[in-house]
C-alpha atoms as a PDB file:
ATOM      1  CA  MET A   1       4.397  -1.892  14.942  1.00  0.00           C
ATOM      2  CA  ALA A   2       5.796  -3.466  17.608  1.00  0.00           C
ATOM      3  CA  THR A   3       8.223  -6.359  18.185  1.00  0.00           C
ATOM      4  CA  THR A   4       7.780  -6.361  21.871  1.00  0.00           C
ATOM      5  CA  HIS A   5       8.930 -10.094  22.117  1.00  0.00           C
ATOM      6  CA  PHE A   6      11.856 -10.543  19.442  1.00  0.00           C
ATOM      7  CA  ASP A   7      13.073  -7.171  21.274  1.00  0.00           C
ATOM      8  CA  GLY A   8      12.804  -9.463  24.761  1.00  0.00           C
ATOM      9  CA  PHE A   9      15.303 -11.792  23.017  1.00  0.00           C
ATOM     10  CA  LEU A  10      17.880  -9.222  22.093  1.00  0.00           C
ATOM     11  CA  THR A  11      17.614  -7.784  25.763  1.00  0.00           C
ATOM     12  CA  ASP A  12      17.679 -10.582  27.233  1.00  0.00           C
ATOM     13  CA  GLY A  13      18.852 -12.926  25.493  1.00  0.00           C
ATOM     14  CA  THR A  14      17.874 -16.719  24.286  1.00  0.00           C
ATOM     15  CA  ASN A  15      20.892 -18.433  26.499  1.00  0.00           C
ATOM     16  CA  GLY A  16      22.174 -20.515  23.928  1.00  0.00           C
ATOM     17  CA  VAL A  17      18.781 -22.272  22.676  1.00  0.00           C
ATOM     18  CA  TYR A  18      16.104 -20.837  20.005  1.00  0.00           C
ATOM     19  CA  TYR A  19      12.993 -19.211  21.097  1.00  0.00           C
ATOM     20  CA  ASN A  20       9.664 -19.250  19.456  1.00  0.00           C
ATOM     21  CA  ALA A  21       8.149 -16.298  17.883  1.00  0.00           C
ATOM     22  CA  ARG A  22       4.829 -16.345  16.541  1.00  0.00           C
ATOM     23  CA  LEU A  23       3.876 -13.891  13.757  1.00  0.00           C
ATOM     24  CA  ALA A  24       0.317 -12.131  13.438  1.00  0.00           C
ATOM     25  CA  ASP A  25      -0.634 -14.606  10.407  1.00  0.00           C
ATOM     26  CA  GLY A  26      -0.112 -17.610  12.373  1.00  0.00           C
ATOM     27  CA  GLN A  27       3.285 -18.879  11.545  1.00  0.00           C
ATOM     28  CA  VAL A  28       5.983 -18.802  14.122  1.00  0.00           C
ATOM     29  CA  ILE A  29       9.686 -18.343  14.054  1.00  0.00           C
ATOM     30  CA  ALA A  30      12.691 -19.442  16.097  1.00  0.00           C
ATOM     31  CA  VAL A  31      15.530 -16.874  17.334  1.00  0.00           C
ATOM     32  CA  LYS A  32      18.394 -17.647  19.421  1.00  0.00           C
ATOM     33  CA  ALA A  33      20.435 -14.141  20.501  1.00  0.00           C
ATOM     34  CA  GLN A  34      22.615 -13.032  22.521  1.00  0.00           C
ATOM     35  CA  PRO A  35      22.201 -10.388  25.325  1.00  0.00           C
ATOM     36  CA  GLY A  36      22.284  -6.778  23.546  1.00  0.00           C
ATOM     37  CA  THR A  37      23.504  -8.431  20.196  1.00  0.00           C
ATOM     38  CA  ASP A  38      22.583  -6.587  16.484  1.00  0.00           C
ATOM     39  CA  THR A  39      22.467  -9.984  14.840  1.00  0.00           C
ATOM     40  CA  VAL A  40      20.917 -13.098  15.760  1.00  0.00           C
ATOM     41  CA  ASP A  41      20.287 -16.907  14.458  1.00  0.00           C
ATOM     42  CA  VAL A  42      16.843 -17.311  12.949  1.00  0.00           C
ATOM     43  CA  TYR A  43      14.995 -20.439  11.848  1.00  0.00           C
ATOM     44  CA  LEU A  44      12.152 -19.938   9.364  1.00  0.00           C
ATOM     45  CA  PRO A  45       9.549 -23.068   8.239  1.00  0.00           C
ATOM     46  CA  ASP A  46       9.665 -23.419   4.451  1.00  0.00           C
ATOM     47  CA  ALA A  47       6.039 -21.507   4.802  1.00  0.00           C
ATOM     48  CA  ILE A  48       7.675 -18.654   4.771  1.00  0.00           C
ATOM     49  CA  PRO A  49      10.234 -17.485   1.879  1.00  0.00           C
ATOM     50  CA  THR A  50      13.464 -16.745   2.321  1.00  0.00           C
ATOM     51  CA  PRO A  51      13.314 -12.821   2.511  1.00  0.00           C
ATOM     52  CA  ASP A  52      15.566 -11.000  -0.514  1.00  0.00           C
ATOM     53  CA  GLY A  53      19.180  -9.240   0.715  1.00  0.00           C
ATOM     54  CA  ASP A  54      22.566 -10.140   1.864  1.00  0.00           C
ATOM     55  CA  ALA A  55      21.558 -10.888   5.320  1.00  0.00           C
ATOM     56  CA  TRP A  56      19.868 -14.075   4.803  1.00  0.00           C
ATOM     57  CA  GLU A  57      23.035 -15.104   2.691  1.00  0.00           C
ATOM     58  CA  LEU A  58      24.222 -17.190   5.839  1.00  0.00           C
ATOM     59  CA  GLU A  59      22.119 -20.525   5.508  1.00  0.00           C
ATOM     60  CA  ASP A  60      22.784 -23.812   6.972  1.00  0.00           C
ATOM     61  CA  SER A  61      20.826 -26.466   5.020  1.00  0.00           C
ATOM     62  CA  TRP A  62      21.869 -29.137   6.859  1.00  0.00           C
ATOM     63  CA  GLU A  63      21.385 -28.217  10.534  1.00  0.00           C
ATOM     64  CA  ALA A  64      17.491 -28.684  10.448  1.00  0.00           C
ATOM     65  CA  HIS A  65      18.196 -32.428   9.426  1.00  0.00           C
ATOM     66  CA  LEU A  66      21.288 -33.201  11.602  1.00  0.00           C
ATOM     67  CA  THR A  67      18.821 -32.259  14.856  1.00  0.00           C
ATOM     68  CA  ALA A  68      15.293 -33.495  13.500  1.00  0.00           C
ATOM     69  CA  GLY A  69      15.934 -37.304  14.877  1.00  0.00           C
ATOM     70  CA  ASP A  70      12.757 -39.199  13.742  1.00  0.00           C
ATOM     71  CA  ASP A  71      10.305 -35.760  13.355  1.00  0.00           C
ATOM     72  CA  PRO A  72      11.047 -34.593   9.633  1.00  0.00           C
ATOM     73  CA  VAL A  73      11.983 -30.576   9.706  1.00  0.00           C
ATOM     74  CA  GLU A  74      11.000 -28.578   7.246  1.00  0.00           C
ATOM     75  CA  GLY A  75      12.712 -25.286   7.438  1.00  0.00           C
ATOM     76  CA  ARG A  76      16.258 -23.293   7.454  1.00  0.00           C
ATOM     77  CA  TYR A  77      18.801 -22.155  10.079  1.00  0.00           C
ATOM     78  CA  PHE A  78      20.067 -18.950   8.691  1.00  0.00           C
ATOM     79  CA  TYR A  79      23.202 -17.388  11.138  1.00  0.00           C
ATOM     80  CA  ASP A  80      24.124 -13.755  11.959  1.00  0.00           C
ATOM     81  CA  VAL A  81      21.183 -12.056  10.552  1.00  0.00           C
ATOM     82  CA  PRO A  82      20.850  -7.953  11.323  1.00  0.00           C
ATOM     83  CA  ALA A  83      18.644  -7.868  14.340  1.00  0.00           C
ATOM     84  CA  ASP A  84      16.583  -5.358  12.075  1.00  0.00           C
ATOM     85  CA  ASP A  85      16.237  -7.426   8.670  1.00  0.00           C
ATOM     86  CA  VAL A  86      13.911  -9.961  11.561  1.00  0.00           C
ATOM     87  CA  ARG A  87      12.284  -7.054  12.523  1.00  0.00           C
ATOM     88  CA  ALA A  88      11.188  -6.372   8.834  1.00  0.00           C
ATOM     89  CA  LEU A  89      10.531  -9.520   8.433  1.00  0.00           C
ATOM     90  CA  ILE A  90       7.794 -10.038  11.780  1.00  0.00           C
ATOM     91  CA  GLU A  91       6.404  -6.566  10.460  1.00  0.00           C
ATOM     92  CA  GLU A  92       5.663  -8.353   6.541  1.00  0.00           C
ATOM     93  CA  HIS A  93       3.600 -10.863   8.786  1.00  0.00           C
ATOM     94  CA  GLY A  94       1.916  -8.390  10.259  1.00  0.00           C
ATOM     95  CA  GLY A  95       4.074  -8.287  13.083  1.00  0.00           C
ATOM     96  CA  GLU A  96       3.769 -10.723  16.631  1.00  0.00           C
ATOM     97  CA  HIS A  97       0.829 -12.371  17.639  1.00  0.00           C
ATOM     98  CA  THR A  98      -1.074 -11.026  20.750  1.00  0.00           C
ATOM     99  CA  ASN A  99      -0.719 -14.542  22.327  1.00  0.00           C
ATOM    100  CA  GLN A 100       3.170 -15.444  22.636  1.00  0.00           C
ATOM    101  CA  GLY A 101       2.072 -18.038  24.692  1.00  0.00           C
ATOM    102  CA  ARG A 102       4.540 -20.741  26.026  1.00  0.00           C
END
């Protein structure tokens, strides 16, 4: 399964901000990456269960609450997740959606 959109984040970086990646099942994750990196920071909505494995151990349970403002945030941030583990997560959800939009 191709992860062209996600791979673009790895190649070009995201300029220090989170960019959305829409999954084939309609879920959206957000990724922050440096150009040419092997690890990324990931925001997962609560609707996506945390995958098993050591890659998802660096969870920041407070970041969403501290930056949400008046809007409740229902998700979690994970840091330094290997790109291969994020790619596997994307594939578990049917790959990337064909329409990433803006």
